[in-house]
Amino acid sequence: DFPMLWKGLTLVRGGMEPQDVVSILRNMAVANQVDLLESLLVIDG
């Protein structure tokens, strides 16, 4: 139910740099019009 969270977790598991993970998740949130609160929670989580 939270594809942005899964994407972030797979990036972390793959060893991607933290700033790259944040940039990808931010872009994903904007491109998919994810709710602001959900976006902030996923990125911080």
PDB file of all heavy atoms in Angstrom:
ATOM      1  N   ASP A   1       0.812  -1.226   0.000  1.00  0.00           N
ATOM      2  CA  ASP A   1       0.000   0.000   0.000  1.00  0.00           C
ATOM      3  C   ASP A   1       0.842   1.271   0.000  1.00  0.00           C
ATOM      4  O   ASP A   1       0.308   2.369  -0.137  1.00  0.00           O
ATOM      5  CB  ASP A   1      -0.933   0.025   1.223  1.00  0.00           C
ATOM      6  CG  ASP A   1      -2.041  -1.003   1.120  1.00  0.00           C
ATOM      7  OD1 ASP A   1      -2.330  -1.466  -0.009  1.00  0.00           O
ATOM      8  OD2 ASP A   1      -2.611  -1.358   2.171  1.00  0.00           O
ATOM      9  N   PHE A   2       2.141   1.116   0.182  1.00  0.00           N
ATOM     10  CA  PHE A   2       3.052   2.258   0.239  1.00  0.00           C
ATOM     11  C   PHE A   2       4.237   2.013  -0.702  1.00  0.00           C
ATOM     12  O   PHE A   2       5.355   1.719  -0.250  1.00  0.00           O
ATOM     13  CB  PHE A   2       3.541   2.483   1.673  1.00  0.00           C
ATOM     14  CG  PHE A   2       2.435   2.715   2.661  1.00  0.00           C
ATOM     15  CD1 PHE A   2       1.999   1.692   3.483  1.00  0.00           C
ATOM     16  CD2 PHE A   2       1.828   3.956   2.751  1.00  0.00           C
ATOM     17  CE1 PHE A   2       0.977   1.910   4.395  1.00  0.00           C
ATOM     18  CE2 PHE A   2       0.805   4.183   3.655  1.00  0.00           C
ATOM     19  CZ  PHE A   2       0.370   3.149   4.485  1.00  0.00           C
ATOM     20  N   PRO A   3       4.018   2.138  -2.021  1.00  0.00           N
ATOM     21  CA  PRO A   3       5.088   1.835  -2.981  1.00  0.00           C
ATOM     22  C   PRO A   3       6.335   2.713  -2.806  1.00  0.00           C
ATOM     23  O   PRO A   3       7.451   2.269  -3.066  1.00  0.00           O
ATOM     24  CB  PRO A   3       4.443   2.051  -4.348  1.00  0.00           C
ATOM     25  CG  PRO A   3       3.172   2.778  -4.101  1.00  0.00           C
ATOM     26  CD  PRO A   3       2.787   2.539  -2.685  1.00  0.00           C
ATOM     27  N   MET A   4       6.146   3.936  -2.342  1.00  0.00           N
ATOM     28  CA  MET A   4       7.294   4.813  -2.129  1.00  0.00           C
ATOM     29  C   MET A   4       8.179   4.265  -1.005  1.00  0.00           C
ATOM     30  O   MET A   4       9.415   4.324  -1.092  1.00  0.00           O
ATOM     31  CB  MET A   4       6.800   6.222  -1.803  1.00  0.00           C
ATOM     32  CG  MET A   4       7.868   7.274  -1.863  1.00  0.00           C
ATOM     33  SD  MET A   4       7.119   8.907  -1.725  1.00  0.00           S
ATOM     34  CE  MET A   4       8.264   9.662  -0.615  1.00  0.00           C
ATOM     35  N   LEU A   5       7.562   3.718   0.020  1.00  0.00           N
ATOM     36  CA  LEU A   5       8.324   3.109   1.122  1.00  0.00           C
ATOM     37  C   LEU A   5       9.111   1.907   0.612  1.00  0.00           C
ATOM     38  O   LEU A   5      10.304   1.774   0.904  1.00  0.00           O
ATOM     39  CB  LEU A   5       7.387   2.684   2.257  1.00  0.00           C
ATOM     40  CG  LEU A   5       8.039   1.926   3.416  1.00  0.00           C
ATOM     41  CD1 LEU A   5       9.126   2.752   4.085  1.00  0.00           C
ATOM     42  CD2 LEU A   5       6.980   1.496   4.419  1.00  0.00           C
ATOM     43  N   TRP A   6       8.470   1.050  -0.162  1.00  0.00           N
ATOM     44  CA  TRP A   6       9.174  -0.129  -0.672  1.00  0.00           C
ATOM     45  C   TRP A   6      10.346   0.282  -1.557  1.00  0.00           C
ATOM     46  O   TRP A   6      11.426  -0.296  -1.478  1.00  0.00           O
ATOM     47  CB  TRP A   6       8.225  -1.071  -1.412  1.00  0.00           C
ATOM     48  CG  TRP A   6       8.959  -2.260  -1.945  1.00  0.00           C
ATOM     49  CD1 TRP A   6       9.150  -2.585  -3.240  1.00  0.00           C
ATOM     50  CD2 TRP A   6       9.654  -3.255  -1.189  1.00  0.00           C
ATOM     51  NE1 TRP A   6       9.914  -3.719  -3.343  1.00  0.00           N
ATOM     52  CE2 TRP A   6      10.244  -4.157  -2.096  1.00  0.00           C
ATOM     53  CE3 TRP A   6       9.851  -3.474   0.178  1.00  0.00           C
ATOM     54  CZ2 TRP A   6      11.005  -5.250  -1.697  1.00  0.00           C
ATOM     55  CZ3 TRP A   6      10.610  -4.561   0.575  1.00  0.00           C
ATOM     56  CH2 TRP A   6      11.176  -5.435  -0.350  1.00  0.00           C
ATOM     57  N   LYS A   7      10.129   1.293  -2.401  1.00  0.00           N
ATOM     58  CA  LYS A   7      11.207   1.771  -3.267  1.00  0.00           C
ATOM     59  C   LYS A   7      12.399   2.236  -2.422  1.00  0.00           C
ATOM     60  O   LYS A   7      13.549   1.889  -2.688  1.00  0.00           O
ATOM     61  CB  LYS A   7      10.706   2.907  -4.161  1.00  0.00           C
ATOM     62  CG  LYS A   7      11.761   3.470  -5.093  1.00  0.00           C
ATOM     63  CD  LYS A   7      12.211   2.423  -6.079  1.00  0.00           C
ATOM     64  CE  LYS A   7      13.106   3.015  -7.145  1.00  0.00           C
ATOM     65  NZ  LYS A   7      13.522   2.008  -8.110  1.00  0.00           N
ATOM     66  N   GLY A   8      12.118   3.024  -1.385  1.00  0.00           N
ATOM     67  CA  GLY A   8      13.185   3.503  -0.506  1.00  0.00           C
ATOM     68  C   GLY A   8      13.919   2.369   0.182  1.00  0.00           C
ATOM     69  O   GLY A   8      15.153   2.369   0.267  1.00  0.00           O
ATOM     70  N   LEU A   9      13.176   1.378   0.648  1.00  0.00           N
ATOM     71  CA  LEU A   9      13.801   0.232   1.320  1.00  0.00           C
ATOM     72  C   LEU A   9      14.685  -0.568   0.368  1.00  0.00           C
ATOM     73  O   LEU A   9      15.771  -1.009   0.749  1.00  0.00           O
ATOM     74  CB  LEU A   9      12.722  -0.667   1.929  1.00  0.00           C
ATOM     75  CG  LEU A   9      11.949  -0.079   3.104  1.00  0.00           C
ATOM     76  CD1 LEU A   9      10.795  -0.986   3.489  1.00  0.00           C
ATOM     77  CD2 LEU A   9      12.856   0.199   4.295  1.00  0.00           C
ATOM     78  N   THR A  10      14.241  -0.736  -0.869  1.00  0.00           N
ATOM     79  CA  THR A  10      15.065  -1.481  -1.826  1.00  0.00           C
ATOM     80  C   THR A  10      16.334  -0.705  -2.186  1.00  0.00           C
ATOM     81  O   THR A  10      17.388  -1.305  -2.395  1.00  0.00           O
ATOM     82  CB  THR A  10      14.281  -1.847  -3.109  1.00  0.00           C
ATOM     83  OG1 THR A  10      13.778  -0.674  -3.719  1.00  0.00           O
ATOM     84  CG2 THR A  10      13.148  -2.803  -2.801  1.00  0.00           C
ATOM     85  N   LEU A  11      16.232   0.620  -2.234  1.00  0.00           N
ATOM     86  CA  LEU A  11      17.423   1.437  -2.494  1.00  0.00           C
ATOM     87  C   LEU A  11      18.427   1.310  -1.345  1.00  0.00           C
ATOM     88  O   LEU A  11      19.628   1.201  -1.570  1.00  0.00           O
ATOM     89  CB  LEU A  11      17.037   2.898  -2.711  1.00  0.00           C
ATOM     90  CG  LEU A  11      16.188   3.203  -3.946  1.00  0.00           C
ATOM     91  CD1 LEU A  11      15.717   4.655  -3.924  1.00  0.00           C
ATOM     92  CD2 LEU A  11      16.941   2.895  -5.224  1.00  0.00           C
ATOM     93  N   VAL A  12      17.913   1.317  -0.125  1.00  0.00           N
ATOM     94  CA  VAL A  12      18.772   1.156   1.059  1.00  0.00           C
ATOM     95  C   VAL A  12      19.414  -0.221   1.039  1.00  0.00           C
ATOM     96  O   VAL A  12      20.624  -0.366   1.236  1.00  0.00           O
ATOM     97  CB  VAL A  12      17.958   1.365   2.360  1.00  0.00           C
ATOM     98  CG1 VAL A  12      18.734   0.883   3.580  1.00  0.00           C
ATOM     99  CG2 VAL A  12      17.587   2.832   2.512  1.00  0.00           C
ATOM    100  N   ARG A  13      18.619  -1.236   0.776  1.00  0.00           N
ATOM    101  CA  ARG A  13      19.134  -2.613   0.744  1.00  0.00           C
ATOM    102  C   ARG A  13      20.196  -2.767  -0.347  1.00  0.00           C
ATOM    103  O   ARG A  13      21.149  -3.523  -0.211  1.00  0.00           O
ATOM    104  CB  ARG A  13      17.980  -3.602   0.520  1.00  0.00           C
ATOM    105  CG  ARG A  13      18.396  -5.049   0.505  1.00  0.00           C
ATOM    106  CD  ARG A  13      18.852  -5.475   1.905  1.00  0.00           C
ATOM    107  NE  ARG A  13      19.328  -6.839   1.891  1.00  0.00           N
ATOM    108  CZ  ARG A  13      20.607  -7.193   1.801  1.00  0.00           C
ATOM    109  NH1 ARG A  13      21.543  -6.286   1.717  1.00  0.00           N
ATOM    110  NH2 ARG A  13      20.956  -8.457   1.811  1.00  0.00           N
ATOM    111  N   GLY A  14      20.035  -2.008  -1.425  1.00  0.00           N
ATOM    112  CA  GLY A  14      21.000  -2.055  -2.517  1.00  0.00           C
ATOM    113  C   GLY A  14      22.265  -1.262  -2.252  1.00  0.00           C
ATOM    114  O   GLY A  14      23.187  -1.256  -3.071  1.00  0.00           O
ATOM    115  N   GLY A  15      22.327  -0.558  -1.132  1.00  0.00           N
ATOM    116  CA  GLY A  15      23.543   0.156  -0.758  1.00  0.00           C
ATOM    117  C   GLY A  15      23.689   1.546  -1.359  1.00  0.00           C
ATOM    118  O   GLY A  15      24.788   2.093  -1.414  1.00  0.00           O
ATOM    119  N   MET A  16      22.588   2.153  -1.793  1.00  0.00           N
ATOM    120  CA  MET A  16      22.662   3.484  -2.394  1.00  0.00           C
ATOM    121  C   MET A  16      22.980   4.545  -1.327  1.00  0.00           C
ATOM    122  O   MET A  16      22.593   4.412  -0.172  1.00  0.00           O
ATOM    123  CB  MET A  16      21.334   3.822  -3.082  1.00  0.00           C
ATOM    124  CG  MET A  16      21.405   5.083  -3.909  1.00  0.00           C
ATOM    125  SD  MET A  16      20.012   5.253  -5.013  1.00  0.00           S
ATOM    126  CE  MET A  16      20.463   4.109  -6.296  1.00  0.00           C
ATOM    127  N   GLU A  17      23.682   5.568  -1.736  1.00  0.00           N
ATOM    128  CA  GLU A  17      24.053   6.668  -0.839  1.00  0.00           C
ATOM    129  C   GLU A  17      22.803   7.371  -0.294  1.00  0.00           C
ATOM    130  O   GLU A  17      21.823   7.559  -1.032  1.00  0.00           O
ATOM    131  CB  GLU A  17      24.917   7.691  -1.581  1.00  0.00           C
ATOM    132  CG  GLU A  17      26.285   7.179  -1.964  1.00  0.00           C
ATOM    133  CD  GLU A  17      27.165   6.897  -0.758  1.00  0.00           C
ATOM    134  OE1 GLU A  17      27.119   7.645   0.231  1.00  0.00           O
ATOM    135  OE2 GLU A  17      27.904   5.890  -0.814  1.00  0.00           O
ATOM    136  N   PRO A  18      22.833   7.786   0.986  1.00  0.00           N
ATOM    137  CA  PRO A  18      21.660   8.412   1.608  1.00  0.00           C
ATOM    138  C   PRO A  18      21.097   9.614   0.838  1.00  0.00           C
ATOM    139  O   PRO A  18      19.879   9.736   0.673  1.00  0.00           O
ATOM    140  CB  PRO A  18      22.174   8.843   2.987  1.00  0.00           C
ATOM    141  CG  PRO A  18      23.283   7.886   3.273  1.00  0.00           C
ATOM    142  CD  PRO A  18      23.924   7.606   1.940  1.00  0.00           C
ATOM    143  N   GLN A  19      21.968  10.509   0.345  1.00  0.00           N
ATOM    144  CA  GLN A  19      21.459  11.696  -0.362  1.00  0.00           C
ATOM    145  C   GLN A  19      20.789  11.305  -1.675  1.00  0.00           C
ATOM    146  O   GLN A  19      19.833  11.951  -2.115  1.00  0.00           O
ATOM    147  CB  GLN A  19      22.556  12.755  -0.594  1.00  0.00           C
ATOM    148  CG  GLN A  19      23.675  12.321  -1.512  1.00  0.00           C
ATOM    149  CD  GLN A  19      24.815  11.582  -0.816  1.00  0.00           C
ATOM    150  OE1 GLN A  19      24.680  11.099   0.306  1.00  0.00           O
ATOM    151  NE2 GLN A  19      25.952  11.485  -1.481  1.00  0.00           N
ATOM    152  N   ASP A  20      21.246  10.221  -2.301  1.00  0.00           N
ATOM    153  CA  ASP A  20      20.616   9.739  -3.533  1.00  0.00           C
ATOM    154  C   ASP A  20      19.246   9.139  -3.240  1.00  0.00           C
ATOM    155  O   ASP A  20      18.299   9.329  -4.004  1.00  0.00           O
ATOM    156  CB  ASP A  20      21.511   8.713  -4.237  1.00  0.00           C
ATOM    157  CG  ASP A  20      22.807   9.327  -4.740  1.00  0.00           C
ATOM    158  OD1 ASP A  20      22.838  10.548  -5.009  1.00  0.00           O
ATOM    159  OD2 ASP A  20      23.807   8.589  -4.861  1.00  0.00           O
ATOM    160  N   VAL A  21      19.148   8.411  -2.135  1.00  0.00           N
ATOM    161  CA  VAL A  21      17.860   7.828  -1.742  1.00  0.00           C
ATOM    162  C   VAL A  21      16.839   8.943  -1.521  1.00  0.00           C
ATOM    163  O   VAL A  21      15.718   8.885  -2.029  1.00  0.00           O
ATOM    164  CB  VAL A  21      18.004   6.958  -0.468  1.00  0.00           C
ATOM    165  CG1 VAL A  21      16.639   6.508   0.041  1.00  0.00           C
ATOM    166  CG2 VAL A  21      18.899   5.751  -0.738  1.00  0.00           C
ATOM    167  N   VAL A  22      17.234   9.984  -0.799  1.00  0.00           N
ATOM    168  CA  VAL A  22      16.325  11.107  -0.533  1.00  0.00           C
ATOM    169  C   VAL A  22      15.905  11.776  -1.840  1.00  0.00           C
ATOM    170  O   VAL A  22      14.718  12.074  -2.038  1.00  0.00           O
ATOM    171  CB  VAL A  22      16.973  12.130   0.428  1.00  0.00           C
ATOM    172  CG1 VAL A  22      16.152  13.410   0.519  1.00  0.00           C
ATOM    173  CG2 VAL A  22      17.158  11.520   1.809  1.00  0.00           C
ATOM    174  N   SER A  23      16.837  12.009  -2.736  1.00  0.00           N
ATOM    175  CA  SER A  23      16.514  12.657  -4.015  1.00  0.00           C
ATOM    176  C   SER A  23      15.533  11.822  -4.832  1.00  0.00           C
ATOM    177  O   SER A  23      14.570  12.351  -5.391  1.00  0.00           O
ATOM    178  CB  SER A  23      17.783  12.893  -4.843  1.00  0.00           C
ATOM    179  OG  SER A  23      18.589  13.841  -4.212  1.00  0.00           O
ATOM    180  N   ILE A  24      15.759  10.528  -4.890  1.00  0.00           N
ATOM    181  CA  ILE A  24      14.867   9.648  -5.647  1.00  0.00           C
ATOM    182  C   ILE A  24      13.482   9.631  -5.026  1.00  0.00           C
ATOM    183  O   ILE A  24      12.466   9.729  -5.733  1.00  0.00           O
ATOM    184  CB  ILE A  24      15.473   8.231  -5.744  1.00  0.00           C
ATOM    185  CG1 ILE A  24      16.701   8.260  -6.663  1.00  0.00           C
ATOM    186  CG2 ILE A  24      14.436   7.221  -6.252  1.00  0.00           C
ATOM    187  CD1 ILE A  24      17.545   7.008  -6.616  1.00  0.00           C
ATOM    188  N   LEU A  25      13.410   9.537  -3.705  1.00  0.00           N
ATOM    189  CA  LEU A  25      12.101   9.515  -3.040  1.00  0.00           C
ATOM    190  C   LEU A  25      11.371  10.847  -3.199  1.00  0.00           C
ATOM    191  O   LEU A  25      10.152  10.880  -3.407  1.00  0.00           O
ATOM    192  CB  LEU A  25      12.257   9.156  -1.564  1.00  0.00           C
ATOM    193  CG  LEU A  25      12.706   7.723  -1.280  1.00  0.00           C
ATOM    194  CD1 LEU A  25      12.891   7.509   0.215  1.00  0.00           C
ATOM    195  CD2 LEU A  25      11.730   6.712  -1.863  1.00  0.00           C
ATOM    196  N   ARG A  26      12.102  11.944  -3.117  1.00  0.00           N
ATOM    197  CA  ARG A  26      11.492  13.268  -3.319  1.00  0.00           C
ATOM    198  C   ARG A  26      10.919  13.367  -4.735  1.00  0.00           C
ATOM    199  O   ARG A  26       9.780  13.792  -4.930  1.00  0.00           O
ATOM    200  CB  ARG A  26      12.520  14.367  -3.074  1.00  0.00           C
ATOM    201  CG  ARG A  26      11.927  15.765  -3.179  1.00  0.00           C
ATOM    202  CD  ARG A  26      12.965  16.851  -3.060  1.00  0.00           C
ATOM    203  NE  ARG A  26      13.955  16.701  -4.126  1.00  0.00           N
ATOM    204  CZ  ARG A  26      15.276  16.678  -3.936  1.00  0.00           C
ATOM    205  NH1 ARG A  26      15.771  16.806  -2.734  1.00  0.00           N
ATOM    206  NH2 ARG A  26      16.104  16.537  -4.950  1.00  0.00           N
ATOM    207  N   ASN A  27      11.692  12.949  -5.725  1.00  0.00           N
ATOM    208  CA  ASN A  27      11.214  12.984  -7.105  1.00  0.00           C
ATOM    209  C   ASN A  27      10.002  12.085  -7.294  1.00  0.00           C
ATOM    210  O   ASN A  27       9.042  12.450  -7.993  1.00  0.00           O
ATOM    211  CB  ASN A  27      12.327  12.557  -8.069  1.00  0.00           C
ATOM    212  CG  ASN A  27      13.466  13.553  -8.098  1.00  0.00           C
ATOM    213  OD1 ASN A  27      13.347  14.680  -7.638  1.00  0.00           O
ATOM    214  ND2 ASN A  27      14.598  13.122  -8.629  1.00  0.00           N
ATOM    215  N   MET A  28      10.031  10.921  -6.667  1.00  0.00           N
ATOM    216  CA  MET A  28       8.915   9.985  -6.760  1.00  0.00           C
ATOM    217  C   MET A  28       7.652  10.584  -6.141  1.00  0.00           C
ATOM    218  O   MET A  28       6.552  10.443  -6.686  1.00  0.00           O
ATOM    219  CB  MET A  28       9.286   8.673  -6.058  1.00  0.00           C
ATOM    220  CG  MET A  28       8.325   7.562  -6.258  1.00  0.00           C
ATOM    221  SD  MET A  28       8.992   6.058  -5.471  1.00  0.00           S
ATOM    222  CE  MET A  28       7.655   4.938  -5.858  1.00  0.00           C
ATOM    223  N   ALA A  29       7.801  11.273  -5.014  1.00  0.00           N
ATOM    224  CA  ALA A  29       6.660  11.899  -4.347  1.00  0.00           C
ATOM    225  C   ALA A  29       6.018  12.955  -5.240  1.00  0.00           C
ATOM    226  O   ALA A  29       4.796  13.012  -5.378  1.00  0.00           O
ATOM    227  CB  ALA A  29       7.100  12.516  -3.019  1.00  0.00           C
ATOM    228  N   VAL A  30       6.852  13.777  -5.859  1.00  0.00           N
ATOM    229  CA  VAL A  30       6.349  14.843  -6.725  1.00  0.00           C
ATOM    230  C   VAL A  30       5.707  14.262  -7.985  1.00  0.00           C
ATOM    231  O   VAL A  30       4.599  14.635  -8.358  1.00  0.00           O
ATOM    232  CB  VAL A  30       7.482  15.841  -7.081  1.00  0.00           C
ATOM    233  CG1 VAL A  30       7.026  16.830  -8.138  1.00  0.00           C
ATOM    234  CG2 VAL A  30       7.938  16.576  -5.820  1.00  0.00           C
ATOM    235  N   ALA A  31       6.375  13.317  -8.621  1.00  0.00           N
ATOM    236  CA  ALA A  31       5.868  12.735  -9.869  1.00  0.00           C
ATOM    237  C   ALA A  31       4.550  12.000  -9.664  1.00  0.00           C
ATOM    238  O   ALA A  31       3.697  11.984 -10.556  1.00  0.00           O
ATOM    239  CB  ALA A  31       6.902  11.789 -10.464  1.00  0.00           C
ATOM    240  N   ASN A  32       4.363  11.409  -8.486  1.00  0.00           N
ATOM    241  CA  ASN A  32       3.162  10.623  -8.218  1.00  0.00           C
ATOM    242  C   ASN A  32       2.153  11.339  -7.337  1.00  0.00           C
ATOM    243  O   ASN A  32       1.172  10.740  -6.899  1.00  0.00           O
ATOM    244  CB  ASN A  32       3.553   9.280  -7.593  1.00  0.00           C
ATOM    245  CG  ASN A  32       4.331   8.425  -8.547  1.00  0.00           C
ATOM    246  OD1 ASN A  32       3.765   7.848  -9.465  1.00  0.00           O
ATOM    247  ND2 ASN A  32       5.644   8.347  -8.360  1.00  0.00           N
ATOM    248  N   GLN A  33       2.425  12.625  -7.027  1.00  0.00           N
ATOM    249  CA  GLN A  33       1.536  13.425  -6.181  1.00  0.00           C
ATOM    250  C   GLN A  33       1.164  12.700  -4.882  1.00  0.00           C
ATOM    251  O   GLN A  33      -0.006  12.619  -4.494  1.00  0.00           O
ATOM    252  CB  GLN A  33       0.279  13.826  -6.950  1.00  0.00           C
ATOM    253  CG  GLN A  33       0.519  14.879  -8.008  1.00  0.00           C
ATOM    254  CD  GLN A  33       0.989  16.190  -7.384  1.00  0.00           C
ATOM    255  OE1 GLN A  33       0.272  16.802  -6.601  1.00  0.00           O
ATOM    256  NE2 GLN A  33       2.194  16.609  -7.713  1.00  0.00           N
ATOM    257  N   VAL A  34       2.171  12.137  -4.229  1.00  0.00           N
ATOM    258  CA  VAL A  34       1.976  11.464  -2.951  1.00  0.00           C
ATOM    259  C   VAL A  34       1.652  12.527  -1.908  1.00  0.00           C
ATOM    260  O   VAL A  34       2.187  13.634  -1.943  1.00  0.00           O
ATOM    261  CB  VAL A  34       3.254  10.669  -2.565  1.00  0.00           C
ATOM    262  CG1 VAL A  34       3.097   9.994  -1.217  1.00  0.00           C
ATOM    263  CG2 VAL A  34       3.572   9.641  -3.641  1.00  0.00           C
ATOM    264  N   ASP A  35       0.776  12.200  -0.984  1.00  0.00           N
ATOM    265  CA  ASP A  35       0.407  13.111   0.096  1.00  0.00           C
ATOM    266  C   ASP A  35       1.665  13.633   0.808  1.00  0.00           C
ATOM    267  O   ASP A  35       2.624  12.883   1.000  1.00  0.00           O
ATOM    268  CB  ASP A  35      -0.491  12.360   1.088  1.00  0.00           C
ATOM    269  CG  ASP A  35      -0.810  13.169   2.318  1.00  0.00           C
ATOM    270  OD1 ASP A  35      -1.535  14.176   2.192  1.00  0.00           O
ATOM    271  OD2 ASP A  35      -0.320  12.804   3.405  1.00  0.00           O
ATOM    272  N   LEU A  36       1.659  14.908   1.176  1.00  0.00           N
ATOM    273  CA  LEU A  36       2.819  15.533   1.817  1.00  0.00           C
ATOM    274  C   LEU A  36       3.235  14.796   3.085  1.00  0.00           C
ATOM    275  O   LEU A  36       4.416  14.474   3.265  1.00  0.00           O
ATOM    276  CB  LEU A  36       2.523  17.000   2.138  1.00  0.00           C
ATOM    277  CG  LEU A  36       3.608  17.742   2.917  1.00  0.00           C
ATOM    278  CD1 LEU A  36       4.902  17.805   2.118  1.00  0.00           C
ATOM    279  CD2 LEU A  36       3.141  19.128   3.292  1.00  0.00           C
ATOM    280  N   LEU A  37       2.293  14.514   3.970  1.00  0.00           N
ATOM    281  CA  LEU A  37       2.624  13.845   5.227  1.00  0.00           C
ATOM    282  C   LEU A  37       3.231  12.471   4.953  1.00  0.00           C
ATOM    283  O   LEU A  37       4.252  12.106   5.539  1.00  0.00           O
ATOM    284  CB  LEU A  37       1.385  13.718   6.119  1.00  0.00           C
ATOM    285  CG  LEU A  37       1.577  13.005   7.450  1.00  0.00           C
ATOM    286  CD1 LEU A  37       2.659  13.674   8.293  1.00  0.00           C
ATOM    287  CD2 LEU A  37       0.252  12.945   8.206  1.00  0.00           C
ATOM    288  N   GLU A  38       2.642  11.734   4.044  1.00  0.00           N
ATOM    289  CA  GLU A  38       3.174  10.409   3.699  1.00  0.00           C
ATOM    290  C   GLU A  38       4.593  10.525   3.154  1.00  0.00           C
ATOM    291  O   GLU A  38       5.473   9.742   3.518  1.00  0.00           O
ATOM    292  CB  GLU A  38       2.263   9.729   2.677  1.00  0.00           C
ATOM    293  CG  GLU A  38       2.696   8.326   2.332  1.00  0.00           C
ATOM    294  CD  GLU A  38       1.697   7.605   1.445  1.00  0.00           C
ATOM    295  OE1 GLU A  38       0.484   7.837   1.572  1.00  0.00           O
ATOM    296  OE2 GLU A  38       2.156   6.788   0.616  1.00  0.00           O
ATOM    297  N   SER A  39       4.824  11.500   2.300  1.00  0.00           N
ATOM    298  CA  SER A  39       6.158  11.703   1.722  1.00  0.00           C
ATOM    299  C   SER A  39       7.193  11.979   2.804  1.00  0.00           C
ATOM    300  O   SER A  39       8.285  11.396   2.800  1.00  0.00           O
ATOM    301  CB  SER A  39       6.144  12.868   0.734  1.00  0.00           C
ATOM    302  OG  SER A  39       5.230  12.640  -0.298  1.00  0.00           O
ATOM    303  N   LEU A  40       6.866  12.876   3.719  1.00  0.00           N
ATOM    304  CA  LEU A  40       7.801  13.222   4.793  1.00  0.00           C
ATOM    305  C   LEU A  40       8.066  12.024   5.705  1.00  0.00           C
ATOM    306  O   LEU A  40       9.213  11.780   6.101  1.00  0.00           O
ATOM    307  CB  LEU A  40       7.251  14.401   5.599  1.00  0.00           C
ATOM    308  CG  LEU A  40       7.107  15.717   4.839  1.00  0.00           C
ATOM    309  CD1 LEU A  40       6.377  16.757   5.685  1.00  0.00           C
ATOM    310  CD2 LEU A  40       8.456  16.244   4.386  1.00  0.00           C
ATOM    311  N   LEU A  41       7.015  11.267   6.020  1.00  0.00           N
ATOM    312  CA  LEU A  41       7.173  10.091   6.876  1.00  0.00           C
ATOM    313  C   LEU A  41       8.062   9.035   6.209  1.00  0.00           C
ATOM    314  O   LEU A  41       8.939   8.464   6.851  1.00  0.00           O
ATOM    315  CB  LEU A  41       5.808   9.492   7.213  1.00  0.00           C
ATOM    316  CG  LEU A  41       4.917  10.320   8.129  1.00  0.00           C
ATOM    317  CD1 LEU A  41       3.518   9.716   8.200  1.00  0.00           C
ATOM    318  CD2 LEU A  41       5.514  10.474   9.513  1.00  0.00           C
ATOM    319  N   VAL A  42       7.822   8.800   4.927  1.00  0.00           N
ATOM    320  CA  VAL A  42       8.618   7.791   4.211  1.00  0.00           C
ATOM    321  C   VAL A  42      10.073   8.219   4.143  1.00  0.00           C
ATOM    322  O   VAL A  42      10.980   7.421   4.434  1.00  0.00           O
ATOM    323  CB  VAL A  42       8.045   7.522   2.801  1.00  0.00           C
ATOM    324  CG1 VAL A  42       9.039   6.738   1.948  1.00  0.00           C
ATOM    325  CG2 VAL A  42       6.722   6.775   2.891  1.00  0.00           C
ATOM    326  N   ILE A  43      10.324   9.452   3.774  1.00  0.00           N
ATOM    327  CA  ILE A  43      11.715   9.904   3.645  1.00  0.00           C
ATOM    328  C   ILE A  43      12.444   9.829   4.981  1.00  0.00           C
ATOM    329  O   ILE A  43      13.542   9.282   5.073  1.00  0.00           O
ATOM    330  CB  ILE A  43      11.786  11.316   3.020  1.00  0.00           C
ATOM    331  CG1 ILE A  43      11.338  11.255   1.553  1.00  0.00           C
ATOM    332  CG2 ILE A  43      13.198  11.890   3.134  1.00  0.00           C
ATOM    333  CD1 ILE A  43      11.135  12.601   0.889  1.00  0.00           C
ATOM    334  N   ASP A  44      11.828  10.341   6.039  1.00  0.00           N
ATOM    335  CA  ASP A  44      12.475  10.275   7.356  1.00  0.00           C
ATOM    336  C   ASP A  44      12.595   8.837   7.849  1.00  0.00           C
ATOM    337  O   ASP A  44      13.595   8.451   8.447  1.00  0.00           O
ATOM    338  CB  ASP A  44      11.712  11.117   8.376  1.00  0.00           C
ATOM    339  CG  ASP A  44      12.061  12.585   8.303  1.00  0.00           C
ATOM    340  OD1 ASP A  44      13.015  12.933   7.586  1.00  0.00           O
ATOM    341  OD2 ASP A  44      11.382  13.388   8.964  1.00  0.00           O
ATOM    342  N   GLY A  45      11.572   8.018   7.602  1.00  0.00           N
ATOM    343  CA  GLY A  45      11.598   6.626   8.033  1.00  0.00           C
ATOM    344  C   GLY A  45      12.676   5.828   7.331  1.00  0.00           C
ATOM    345  O   GLY A  45      13.429   5.081   7.963  1.00  0.00           O
TER     346      GLY A  45
END
